[in-house]
Amino acid sequence: MSIKIFSLINCPYSEAALSFLKSKNIKSKIVKVEQANKEEYKNDKISTFPQIYFVHKKNTHLLGGYNDIIDINNKIFKINIDTSLQYLNKKYAKLTHKNKLRLIKMINN
């Protein structure tokens, strides 16, 4: 399991997200996106940067951007597992139960 992040070069939110992931020692695959190519990475689900995905085996799930990853951290860091799962169930209903547990473990390490 890991995080895949599309990071826009010279974007303060992308830099902040990379710094956050590094501070948490979260295994990440970083894709640096040039300003000239940023339109190629925008889609109907996300059009801003960074674009942060949770990856487990062949499953990839969009978590969102910088504010979303910080929100996840603030909601599930070092709190009751049931409360963490309730939050993730509301925000990421399509993420499997096991992957929600994996995400909690990743954030809390």
PDB file of N, CA and C in Angstrom:
ATOM      1  N   MET A   1       0.847  -1.174   0.000  1.00  0.00           N
ATOM      2  CA  MET A   1       0.000   0.000   0.000  1.00  0.00           C
ATOM      3  C   MET A   1       0.887   1.229   0.000  1.00  0.00           C
ATOM      4  N   SER A   2       0.436   2.236  -0.686  1.00  0.00           N
ATOM      5  CA  SER A   2       1.215   3.462  -0.777  1.00  0.00           C
ATOM      6  C   SER A   2       0.301   4.611  -1.199  1.00  0.00           C
ATOM      7  N   ILE A   3       0.920   5.752  -1.315  1.00  0.00           N
ATOM      8  CA  ILE A   3       0.252   6.948  -1.799  1.00  0.00           C
ATOM      9  C   ILE A   3       0.905   7.323  -3.125  1.00  0.00           C
ATOM     10  N   LYS A   4       0.077   7.685  -4.092  1.00  0.00           N
ATOM     11  CA  LYS A   4       0.584   8.220  -5.354  1.00  0.00           C
ATOM     12  C   LYS A   4       0.130   9.663  -5.410  1.00  0.00           C
ATOM     13  N   ILE A   5       1.080  10.547  -5.660  1.00  0.00           N
ATOM     14  CA  ILE A   5       0.757  11.970  -5.656  1.00  0.00           C
ATOM     15  C   ILE A   5       1.243  12.610  -6.950  1.00  0.00           C
ATOM     16  N   PHE A   6       0.326  13.304  -7.603  1.00  0.00           N
ATOM     17  CA  PHE A   6       0.665  14.104  -8.766  1.00  0.00           C
ATOM     18  C   PHE A   6       0.915  15.507  -8.230  1.00  0.00           C
ATOM     19  N   SER A   7       2.172  15.904  -8.276  1.00  0.00           N
ATOM     20  CA  SER A   7       2.618  17.146  -7.656  1.00  0.00           C
ATOM     21  C   SER A   7       2.969  18.162  -8.739  1.00  0.00           C
ATOM     22  N   LEU A   8       2.309  19.305  -8.714  1.00  0.00           N
ATOM     23  CA  LEU A   8       2.560  20.361  -9.686  1.00  0.00           C
ATOM     24  C   LEU A   8       3.799  21.147  -9.260  1.00  0.00           C
ATOM     25  N   ILE A   9       4.757  21.244 -10.164  1.00  0.00           N
ATOM     26  CA  ILE A   9       6.000  21.966  -9.872  1.00  0.00           C
ATOM     27  C   ILE A   9       5.669  23.431  -9.562  1.00  0.00           C
ATOM     28  N   ASN A  10       6.286  23.957  -8.516  1.00  0.00           N
ATOM     29  CA  ASN A  10       6.108  25.334  -8.034  1.00  0.00           C
ATOM     30  C   ASN A  10       4.720  25.606  -7.457  1.00  0.00           C
ATOM     31  N   CYS A  11       4.024  24.572  -7.051  1.00  0.00           N
ATOM     32  CA  CYS A  11       2.711  24.730  -6.416  1.00  0.00           C
ATOM     33  C   CYS A  11       2.895  24.611  -4.903  1.00  0.00           C
ATOM     34  N   PRO A  12       2.542  25.637  -4.135  1.00  0.00           N
ATOM     35  CA  PRO A  12       2.750  25.571  -2.683  1.00  0.00           C
ATOM     36  C   PRO A  12       1.957  24.447  -2.007  1.00  0.00           C
ATOM     37  N   TYR A  13       0.769  24.140  -2.508  1.00  0.00           N
ATOM     38  CA  TYR A  13      -0.016  23.047  -1.919  1.00  0.00           C
ATOM     39  C   TYR A  13       0.626  21.692  -2.207  1.00  0.00           C
ATOM     40  N   SER A  14       1.173  21.548  -3.404  1.00  0.00           N
ATOM     41  CA  SER A  14       1.877  20.303  -3.735  1.00  0.00           C
ATOM     42  C   SER A  14       3.102  20.139  -2.848  1.00  0.00           C
ATOM     43  N   GLU A  15       3.852  21.215  -2.668  1.00  0.00           N
ATOM     44  CA  GLU A  15       5.043  21.157  -1.813  1.00  0.00           C
ATOM     45  C   GLU A  15       4.657  20.841  -0.369  1.00  0.00           C
ATOM     46  N   ALA A  16       3.579  21.439   0.103  1.00  0.00           N
ATOM     47  CA  ALA A  16       3.126  21.181   1.475  1.00  0.00           C
ATOM     48  C   ALA A  16       2.689  19.725   1.638  1.00  0.00           C
ATOM     49  N   ALA A  17       2.012  19.176   0.637  1.00  0.00           N
ATOM     50  CA  ALA A  17       1.580  17.777   0.702  1.00  0.00           C
ATOM     51  C   ALA A  17       2.783  16.846   0.726  1.00  0.00           C
ATOM     52  N   LEU A  18       3.772  17.120  -0.108  1.00  0.00           N
ATOM     53  CA  LEU A  18       4.985  16.294  -0.124  1.00  0.00           C
ATOM     54  C   LEU A  18       5.698  16.358   1.222  1.00  0.00           C
ATOM     55  N   SER A  19       5.766  17.546   1.789  1.00  0.00           N
ATOM     56  CA  SER A  19       6.395  17.721   3.095  1.00  0.00           C
ATOM     57  C   SER A  19       5.636  16.949   4.172  1.00  0.00           C
ATOM     58  N   PHE A  20       4.315  17.006   4.140  1.00  0.00           N
ATOM     59  CA  PHE A  20       3.495  16.277   5.107  1.00  0.00           C
ATOM     60  C   PHE A  20       3.735  14.774   5.000  1.00  0.00           C
ATOM     61  N   LEU A  21       3.670  14.238   3.786  1.00  0.00           N
ATOM     62  CA  LEU A  21       3.865  12.796   3.592  1.00  0.00           C
ATOM     63  C   LEU A  21       5.251  12.364   4.055  1.00  0.00           C
ATOM     64  N   LYS A  22       6.252  13.196   3.769  1.00  0.00           N
ATOM     65  CA  LYS A  22       7.616  12.888   4.214  1.00  0.00           C
ATOM     66  C   LYS A  22       7.692  12.891   5.738  1.00  0.00           C
ATOM     67  N   SER A  23       7.041  13.854   6.380  1.00  0.00           N
ATOM     68  CA  SER A  23       7.082  13.945   7.848  1.00  0.00           C
ATOM     69  C   SER A  23       6.426  12.739   8.511  1.00  0.00           C
ATOM     70  N   LYS A  24       5.463  12.124   7.823  1.00  0.00           N
ATOM     71  CA  LYS A  24       4.764  10.953   8.353  1.00  0.00           C
ATOM     72  C   LYS A  24       5.427   9.641   7.912  1.00  0.00           C
ATOM     73  N   ASN A  25       6.517   9.754   7.140  1.00  0.00           N
ATOM     74  CA  ASN A  25       7.211   8.573   6.597  1.00  0.00           C
ATOM     75  C   ASN A  25       6.264   7.670   5.816  1.00  0.00           C
ATOM     76  N   ILE A  26       5.393   8.271   5.044  1.00  0.00           N
ATOM     77  CA  ILE A  26       4.434   7.524   4.232  1.00  0.00           C
ATOM     78  C   ILE A  26       5.051   7.242   2.870  1.00  0.00           C
ATOM     79  N   LYS A  27       5.079   5.957   2.530  1.00  0.00           N
ATOM     80  CA  LYS A  27       5.623   5.532   1.246  1.00  0.00           C
ATOM     81  C   LYS A  27       4.801   6.178   0.134  1.00  0.00           C
ATOM     82  N   SER A  28       5.484   6.908  -0.757  1.00  0.00           N
ATOM     83  CA  SER A  28       4.786   7.650  -1.800  1.00  0.00           C
ATOM     84  C   SER A  28       5.489   7.512  -3.139  1.00  0.00           C
ATOM     85  N   LYS A  29       4.686   7.427  -4.185  1.00  0.00           N
ATOM     86  CA  LYS A  29       5.210   7.540  -5.542  1.00  0.00           C
ATOM     87  C   LYS A  29       4.845   8.938  -5.999  1.00  0.00           C
ATOM     88  N   ILE A  30       5.848   9.711  -6.380  1.00  0.00           N
ATOM     89  CA  ILE A  30       5.636  11.107  -6.739  1.00  0.00           C
ATOM     90  C   ILE A  30       5.763  11.266  -8.248  1.00  0.00           C
ATOM     91  N   VAL A  31       4.754  11.876  -8.840  1.00  0.00           N
ATOM     92  CA  VAL A  31       4.785  12.206 -10.261  1.00  0.00           C
ATOM     93  C   VAL A  31       4.826  13.729 -10.348  1.00  0.00           C
ATOM     94  N   LYS A  32       5.966  14.255 -10.799  1.00  0.00           N
ATOM     95  CA  LYS A  32       6.121  15.704 -10.935  1.00  0.00           C
ATOM     96  C   LYS A  32       5.467  16.151 -12.240  1.00  0.00           C
ATOM     97  N   VAL A  33       4.596  17.130 -12.147  1.00  0.00           N
ATOM     98  CA  VAL A  33       3.860  17.629 -13.303  1.00  0.00           C
ATOM     99  C   VAL A  33       4.344  19.042 -13.623  1.00  0.00           C
ATOM    100  N   GLU A  34       4.751  19.246 -14.865  1.00  0.00           N
ATOM    101  CA  GLU A  34       5.170  20.573 -15.323  1.00  0.00           C
ATOM    102  C   GLU A  34       3.940  21.472 -15.473  1.00  0.00           C
ATOM    103  N   GLN A  35       4.129  22.755 -15.230  1.00  0.00           N
ATOM    104  CA  GLN A  35       3.035  23.717 -15.392  1.00  0.00           C
ATOM    105  C   GLN A  35       2.415  23.621 -16.790  1.00  0.00           C
ATOM    106  N   ALA A  36       3.253  23.444 -17.806  1.00  0.00           N
ATOM    107  CA  ALA A  36       2.773  23.387 -19.189  1.00  0.00           C
ATOM    108  C   ALA A  36       1.905  22.160 -19.467  1.00  0.00           C
ATOM    109  N   ASN A  37       2.023  21.118 -18.644  1.00  0.00           N
ATOM    110  CA  ASN A  37       1.289  19.867 -18.871  1.00  0.00           C
ATOM    111  C   ASN A  37       0.144  19.634 -17.891  1.00  0.00           C
ATOM    112  N   LYS A  38      -0.141  20.585 -17.031  1.00  0.00           N
ATOM    113  CA  LYS A  38      -1.097  20.335 -15.950  1.00  0.00           C
ATOM    114  C   LYS A  38      -2.508  20.011 -16.439  1.00  0.00           C
ATOM    115  N   GLU A  39      -2.915  20.539 -17.578  1.00  0.00           N
ATOM    116  CA  GLU A  39      -4.269  20.273 -18.087  1.00  0.00           C
ATOM    117  C   GLU A  39      -4.475  18.792 -18.389  1.00  0.00           C
ATOM    118  N   GLU A  40      -3.408  18.082 -18.746  1.00  0.00           N
ATOM    119  CA  GLU A  40      -3.486  16.656 -19.067  1.00  0.00           C
ATOM    120  C   GLU A  40      -3.886  15.814 -17.856  1.00  0.00           C
ATOM    121  N   TYR A  41      -3.655  16.320 -16.655  1.00  0.00           N
ATOM    122  CA  TYR A  41      -3.906  15.564 -15.430  1.00  0.00           C
ATOM    123  C   TYR A  41      -5.244  15.898 -14.776  1.00  0.00           C
ATOM    124  N   LYS A  42      -5.900  16.919 -15.265  1.00  0.00           N
ATOM    125  CA  LYS A  42      -7.196  17.298 -14.707  1.00  0.00           C
ATOM    126  C   LYS A  42      -8.277  16.379 -15.261  1.00  0.00           C
ATOM    127  N   ASN A  43      -9.272  16.075 -14.429  1.00  0.00           N
ATOM    128  CA  ASN A  43     -10.388  15.235 -14.880  1.00  0.00           C
ATOM    129  C   ASN A  43     -11.665  15.650 -14.159  1.00  0.00           C
ATOM    130  N   ASP A  44     -12.724  14.898 -14.363  1.00  0.00           N
ATOM    131  CA  ASP A  44     -14.006  15.271 -13.761  1.00  0.00           C
ATOM    132  C   ASP A  44     -14.045  15.082 -12.248  1.00  0.00           C
ATOM    133  N   LYS A  45     -13.085  14.342 -11.693  1.00  0.00           N
ATOM    134  CA  LYS A  45     -13.056  14.118 -10.242  1.00  0.00           C
ATOM    135  C   LYS A  45     -12.162  15.116  -9.510  1.00  0.00           C
ATOM    136  N   ILE A  46     -11.103  15.577 -10.190  1.00  0.00           N
ATOM    137  CA  ILE A  46     -10.192  16.534  -9.553  1.00  0.00           C
ATOM    138  C   ILE A  46      -9.506  17.367 -10.633  1.00  0.00           C
ATOM    139  N   SER A  47      -9.470  18.670 -10.392  1.00  0.00           N
ATOM    140  CA  SER A  47      -8.855  19.567 -11.369  1.00  0.00           C
ATOM    141  C   SER A  47      -7.801  20.464 -10.733  1.00  0.00           C
ATOM    142  N   THR A  48      -7.437  20.164  -9.499  1.00  0.00           N
ATOM    143  CA  THR A  48      -6.439  20.954  -8.786  1.00  0.00           C
ATOM    144  C   THR A  48      -5.259  20.064  -8.408  1.00  0.00           C
ATOM    145  N   PHE A  49      -4.224  20.688  -7.875  1.00  0.00           N
ATOM    146  CA  PHE A  49      -3.031  19.965  -7.436  1.00  0.00           C
ATOM    147  C   PHE A  49      -2.726  20.318  -5.996  1.00  0.00           C
ATOM    148  N   PRO A  50      -2.153  19.350  -5.286  1.00  0.00           N
ATOM    149  CA  PRO A  50      -1.767  18.008  -5.709  1.00  0.00           C
ATOM    150  C   PRO A  50      -2.993  17.108  -5.856  1.00  0.00           C
ATOM    151  N   GLN A  51      -2.779  15.997  -6.527  1.00  0.00           N
ATOM    152  CA  GLN A  51      -3.796  14.956  -6.646  1.00  0.00           C
ATOM    153  C   GLN A  51      -3.251  13.736  -5.919  1.00  0.00           C
ATOM    154  N   ILE A  52      -3.916  13.346  -4.846  1.00  0.00           N
ATOM    155  CA  ILE A  52      -3.390  12.311  -3.951  1.00  0.00           C
ATOM    156  C   ILE A  52      -4.286  11.079  -4.009  1.00  0.00           C
ATOM    157  N   TYR A  53      -3.649   9.933  -4.273  1.00  0.00           N
ATOM    158  CA  TYR A  53      -4.366   8.664  -4.414  1.00  0.00           C
ATOM    159  C   TYR A  53      -3.838   7.644  -3.415  1.00  0.00           C
ATOM    160  N   PHE A  54      -4.728   6.835  -2.876  1.00  0.00           N
ATOM    161  CA  PHE A  54      -4.370   5.680  -2.055  1.00  0.00           C
ATOM    162  C   PHE A  54      -4.277   4.498  -3.009  1.00  0.00           C
ATOM    163  N   VAL A  55      -3.155   3.760  -2.957  1.00  0.00           N
ATOM    164  CA  VAL A  55      -2.926   2.641  -3.865  1.00  0.00           C
ATOM    165  C   VAL A  55      -2.685   1.375  -3.055  1.00  0.00           C
ATOM    166  N   HIS A  56      -3.448   0.336  -3.362  1.00  0.00           N
ATOM    167  CA  HIS A  56      -3.220  -0.983  -2.773  1.00  0.00           C
ATOM    168  C   HIS A  56      -3.386  -2.009  -3.872  1.00  0.00           C
ATOM    169  N   LYS A  57      -2.296  -2.711  -4.155  1.00  0.00           N
ATOM    170  CA  LYS A  57      -2.258  -3.671  -5.258  1.00  0.00           C
ATOM    171  C   LYS A  57      -2.689  -2.952  -6.529  1.00  0.00           C
ATOM    172  N   LYS A  58      -3.743  -3.418  -7.169  1.00  0.00           N
ATOM    173  CA  LYS A  58      -4.187  -2.789  -8.418  1.00  0.00           C
ATOM    174  C   LYS A  58      -5.311  -1.783  -8.205  1.00  0.00           C
ATOM    175  N   ASN A  59      -5.688  -1.550  -6.964  1.00  0.00           N
ATOM    176  CA  ASN A  59      -6.771  -0.614  -6.651  1.00  0.00           C
ATOM    177  C   ASN A  59      -6.212   0.769  -6.337  1.00  0.00           C
ATOM    178  N   THR A  60      -6.768   1.765  -6.996  1.00  0.00           N
ATOM    179  CA  THR A  60      -6.377   3.152  -6.770  1.00  0.00           C
ATOM    180  C   THR A  60      -7.627   3.945  -6.428  1.00  0.00           C
ATOM    181  N   HIS A  61      -7.540   4.742  -5.348  1.00  0.00           N
ATOM    182  CA  HIS A  61      -8.696   5.522  -4.900  1.00  0.00           C
ATOM    183  C   HIS A  61      -8.259   6.965  -4.647  1.00  0.00           C
ATOM    184  N   LEU A  62      -8.956   7.902  -5.262  1.00  0.00           N
ATOM    185  CA  LEU A  62      -8.659   9.316  -5.074  1.00  0.00           C
ATOM    186  C   LEU A  62      -9.007   9.747  -3.657  1.00  0.00           C
ATOM    187  N   LEU A  63      -8.005  10.292  -2.943  1.00  0.00           N
ATOM    188  CA  LEU A  63      -8.253  10.867  -1.620  1.00  0.00           C
ATOM    189  C   LEU A  63      -8.588  12.343  -1.738  1.00  0.00           C
ATOM    190  N   GLY A  64      -7.984  13.018  -2.716  1.00  0.00           N
ATOM    191  CA  GLY A  64      -8.226  14.441  -2.921  1.00  0.00           C
ATOM    192  C   GLY A  64      -6.923  15.201  -3.013  1.00  0.00           C
ATOM    193  N   GLY A  65      -6.951  16.420  -2.482  1.00  0.00           N
ATOM    194  CA  GLY A  65      -5.778  17.279  -2.521  1.00  0.00           C
ATOM    195  C   GLY A  65      -5.156  17.457  -1.146  1.00  0.00           C
ATOM    196  N   TYR A  66      -4.397  18.531  -1.009  1.00  0.00           N
ATOM    197  CA  TYR A  66      -3.685  18.804   0.242  1.00  0.00           C
ATOM    198  C   TYR A  66      -4.649  18.907   1.423  1.00  0.00           C
ATOM    199  N   ASN A  67      -5.694  19.706   1.283  1.00  0.00           N
ATOM    200  CA  ASN A  67      -6.639  19.877   2.399  1.00  0.00           C
ATOM    201  C   ASN A  67      -7.288  18.564   2.799  1.00  0.00           C
ATOM    202  N   ASP A  68      -7.533  17.697   1.826  1.00  0.00           N
ATOM    203  CA  ASP A  68      -8.160  16.400   2.122  1.00  0.00           C
ATOM    204  C   ASP A  68      -7.235  15.505   2.933  1.00  0.00           C
ATOM    205  N   ILE A  69      -5.960  15.466   2.573  1.00  0.00           N
ATOM    206  CA  ILE A  69      -5.021  14.593   3.301  1.00  0.00           C
ATOM    207  C   ILE A  69      -4.796  15.127   4.720  1.00  0.00           C
ATOM    208  N   ILE A  70      -4.782  16.439   4.874  1.00  0.00           N
ATOM    209  CA  ILE A  70      -4.652  17.032   6.209  1.00  0.00           C
ATOM    210  C   ILE A  70      -5.914  16.750   7.024  1.00  0.00           C
ATOM    211  N   ASP A  71      -7.076  16.841   6.391  1.00  0.00           N
ATOM    212  CA  ASP A  71      -8.343  16.540   7.065  1.00  0.00           C
ATOM    213  C   ASP A  71      -8.370  15.086   7.529  1.00  0.00           C
ATOM    214  N   ILE A  72      -7.934  14.176   6.664  1.00  0.00           N
ATOM    215  CA  ILE A  72      -7.861  12.761   7.050  1.00  0.00           C
ATOM    216  C   ILE A  72      -6.962  12.607   8.266  1.00  0.00           C
ATOM    217  N   ASN A  73      -5.799  13.217   8.219  1.00  0.00           N
ATOM    218  CA  ASN A  73      -4.865  13.127   9.343  1.00  0.00           C
ATOM    219  C   ASN A  73      -5.504  13.656  10.623  1.00  0.00           C
ATOM    220  N   ASN A  74      -6.125  14.814  10.539  1.00  0.00           N
ATOM    221  CA  ASN A  74      -6.724  15.424  11.731  1.00  0.00           C
ATOM    222  C   ASN A  74      -7.886  14.613  12.288  1.00  0.00           C
ATOM    223  N   LYS A  75      -8.616  13.935  11.419  1.00  0.00           N
ATOM    224  CA  LYS A  75      -9.782  13.169  11.859  1.00  0.00           C
ATOM    225  C   LYS A  75      -9.423  11.789  12.398  1.00  0.00           C
ATOM    226  N   ILE A  76      -8.361  11.163  11.871  1.00  0.00           N
ATOM    227  CA  ILE A  76      -8.100   9.779  12.270  1.00  0.00           C
ATOM    228  C   ILE A  76      -6.796   9.568  13.019  1.00  0.00           C
ATOM    229  N   PHE A  77      -5.982  10.606  13.163  1.00  0.00           N
ATOM    230  CA  PHE A  77      -4.695  10.426  13.822  1.00  0.00           C
ATOM    231  C   PHE A  77      -4.881  10.174  15.314  1.00  0.00           C
ATOM    232  N   LYS A  78      -4.469   8.999  15.738  1.00  0.00           N
ATOM    233  CA  LYS A  78      -4.443   8.621  17.156  1.00  0.00           C
ATOM    234  C   LYS A  78      -5.803   8.710  17.851  1.00  0.00           C
ATOM    235  N   ILE A  79      -6.866   8.392  17.136  1.00  0.00           N
ATOM    236  CA  ILE A  79      -8.175   8.350  17.792  1.00  0.00           C
ATOM    237  C   ILE A  79      -8.751   6.951  17.683  1.00  0.00           C
ATOM    238  N   ASN A  80      -9.838   6.753  18.305  1.00  0.00           N
ATOM    239  CA  ASN A  80     -10.552   5.486  18.329  1.00  0.00           C
ATOM    240  C   ASN A  80     -10.780   4.951  16.912  1.00  0.00           C
ATOM    241  N   ILE A  81     -10.525   3.665  16.706  1.00  0.00           N
ATOM    242  CA  ILE A  81     -10.660   3.036  15.390  1.00  0.00           C
ATOM    243  C   ILE A  81     -12.088   3.142  14.859  1.00  0.00           C
ATOM    244  N   ASP A  82     -13.074   2.990  15.723  1.00  0.00           N
ATOM    245  CA  ASP A  82     -14.472   3.086  15.284  1.00  0.00           C
ATOM    246  C   ASP A  82     -14.805   4.488  14.774  1.00  0.00           C
ATOM    247  N   THR A  83     -14.315   5.494  15.466  1.00  0.00           N
ATOM    248  CA  THR A  83     -14.533   6.874  15.042  1.00  0.00           C
ATOM    249  C   THR A  83     -13.845   7.134  13.711  1.00  0.00           C
ATOM    250  N   SER A  84     -12.636   6.617  13.561  1.00  0.00           N
ATOM    251  CA  SER A  84     -11.897   6.767  12.306  1.00  0.00           C
ATOM    252  C   SER A  84     -12.657   6.121  11.154  1.00  0.00           C
ATOM    253  N   LEU A  85     -13.165   4.925  11.383  1.00  0.00           N
ATOM    254  CA  LEU A  85     -13.911   4.216  10.339  1.00  0.00           C
ATOM    255  C   LEU A  85     -15.206   4.940   9.983  1.00  0.00           C
ATOM    256  N   GLN A  86     -15.874   5.509  10.974  1.00  0.00           N
ATOM    257  CA  GLN A  86     -17.103   6.265  10.706  1.00  0.00           C
ATOM    258  C   GLN A  86     -16.805   7.440   9.779  1.00  0.00           C
ATOM    259  N   TYR A  87     -15.723   8.148  10.076  1.00  0.00           N
ATOM    260  CA  TYR A  87     -15.329   9.279   9.234  1.00  0.00           C
ATOM    261  C   TYR A  87     -15.034   8.813   7.813  1.00  0.00           C
ATOM    262  N   LEU A  88     -14.224   7.770   7.675  1.00  0.00           N
ATOM    263  CA  LEU A  88     -13.856   7.283   6.346  1.00  0.00           C
ATOM    264  C   LEU A  88     -15.054   6.707   5.600  1.00  0.00           C
ATOM    265  N   ASN A  89     -15.986   6.089   6.307  1.00  0.00           N
ATOM    266  CA  ASN A  89     -17.197   5.568   5.664  1.00  0.00           C
ATOM    267  C   ASN A  89     -18.019   6.690   5.037  1.00  0.00           C
ATOM    268  N   LYS A  90     -18.079   7.831   5.706  1.00  0.00           N
ATOM    269  CA  LYS A  90     -18.827   8.967   5.177  1.00  0.00           C
ATOM    270  C   LYS A  90     -18.118   9.600   3.988  1.00  0.00           C
ATOM    271  N   LYS A  91     -16.817   9.776   4.109  1.00  0.00           N
ATOM    272  CA  LYS A  91     -16.062  10.511   3.089  1.00  0.00           C
ATOM    273  C   LYS A  91     -15.656   9.644   1.903  1.00  0.00           C
ATOM    274  N   TYR A  92     -15.353   8.372   2.141  1.00  0.00           N
ATOM    275  CA  TYR A  92     -14.842   7.484   1.089  1.00  0.00           C
ATOM    276  C   TYR A  92     -15.621   6.172   1.081  1.00  0.00           C
ATOM    277  N   ALA A  93     -16.887   6.241   0.776  1.00  0.00           N
ATOM    278  CA  ALA A  93     -17.762   5.063   0.822  1.00  0.00           C
ATOM    279  C   ALA A  93     -17.301   3.946  -0.109  1.00  0.00           C
ATOM    280  N   LYS A  94     -16.678   4.278  -1.222  1.00  0.00           N
ATOM    281  CA  LYS A  94     -16.261   3.259  -2.193  1.00  0.00           C
ATOM    282  C   LYS A  94     -14.974   2.544  -1.798  1.00  0.00           C
ATOM    283  N   LEU A  95     -14.247   3.083  -0.856  1.00  0.00           N
ATOM    284  CA  LEU A  95     -13.018   2.442  -0.380  1.00  0.00           C
ATOM    285  C   LEU A  95     -13.401   1.229   0.461  1.00  0.00           C
ATOM    286  N   THR A  96     -12.773   0.085   0.193  1.00  0.00           N
ATOM    287  CA  THR A  96     -13.130  -1.128   0.937  1.00  0.00           C
ATOM    288  C   THR A  96     -12.789  -0.981   2.415  1.00  0.00           C
ATOM    289  N   HIS A  97     -13.431  -1.780   3.237  1.00  0.00           N
ATOM    290  CA  HIS A  97     -13.182  -1.755   4.681  1.00  0.00           C
ATOM    291  C   HIS A  97     -11.705  -2.022   4.975  1.00  0.00           C
ATOM    292  N   LYS A  98     -11.139  -3.033   4.314  1.00  0.00           N
ATOM    293  CA  LYS A  98      -9.718  -3.345   4.540  1.00  0.00           C
ATOM    294  C   LYS A  98      -8.827  -2.180   4.140  1.00  0.00           C
ATOM    295  N   ASN A  99      -9.144  -1.526   3.034  1.00  0.00           N
ATOM    296  CA  ASN A  99      -8.325  -0.395   2.613  1.00  0.00           C
ATOM    297  C   ASN A  99      -8.494   0.804   3.539  1.00  0.00           C
ATOM    298  N   LYS A 100      -9.666   0.952   4.133  1.00  0.00           N
ATOM    299  CA  LYS A 100      -9.843   2.005   5.144  1.00  0.00           C
ATOM    300  C   LYS A 100      -8.948   1.721   6.346  1.00  0.00           C
ATOM    301  N   LEU A 101      -8.901   0.469   6.760  1.00  0.00           N
ATOM    302  CA  LEU A 101      -8.015   0.094   7.869  1.00  0.00           C
ATOM    303  C   LEU A 101      -6.554   0.310   7.500  1.00  0.00           C
ATOM    304  N   ARG A 102      -6.200  -0.009   6.267  1.00  0.00           N
ATOM    305  CA  ARG A 102      -4.821   0.212   5.814  1.00  0.00           C
ATOM    306  C   ARG A 102      -4.471   1.700   5.830  1.00  0.00           C
ATOM    307  N   LEU A 103      -5.396   2.534   5.387  1.00  0.00           N
ATOM    308  CA  LEU A 103      -5.172   3.979   5.388  1.00  0.00           C
ATOM    309  C   LEU A 103      -5.000   4.497   6.813  1.00  0.00           C
ATOM    310  N   ILE A 104      -5.820   4.028   7.735  1.00  0.00           N
ATOM    311  CA  ILE A 104      -5.685   4.421   9.143  1.00  0.00           C
ATOM    312  C   ILE A 104      -4.311   4.024   9.662  1.00  0.00           C
ATOM    313  N   LYS A 105      -3.892   2.819   9.365  1.00  0.00           N
ATOM    314  CA  LYS A 105      -2.577   2.349   9.806  1.00  0.00           C
ATOM    315  C   LYS A 105      -1.468   3.213   9.217  1.00  0.00           C
ATOM    316  N   MET A 106      -1.587   3.545   7.928  1.00  0.00           N
ATOM    317  CA  MET A 106      -0.572   4.354   7.262  1.00  0.00           C
ATOM    318  C   MET A 106      -0.449   5.724   7.921  1.00  0.00           C
ATOM    319  N   ILE A 107      -1.574   6.367   8.193  1.00  0.00           N
ATOM    320  CA  ILE A 107      -1.572   7.707   8.794  1.00  0.00           C
ATOM    321  C   ILE A 107      -1.059   7.664  10.228  1.00  0.00           C
ATOM    322  N   ASN A 108      -1.376   6.625  10.961  1.00  0.00           N
ATOM    323  CA  ASN A 108      -1.006   6.559  12.373  1.00  0.00           C
ATOM    324  C   ASN A 108       0.410   6.069  12.633  1.00  0.00           C
ATOM    325  N   ASN A 109       1.109   5.629  11.622  1.00  0.00           N
ATOM    326  CA  ASN A 109       2.513   5.200  11.837  1.00  0.00           C
ATOM    327  C   ASN A 109       3.423   6.374  12.005  1.00  0.00           C
TER     328      ASN A 109
END
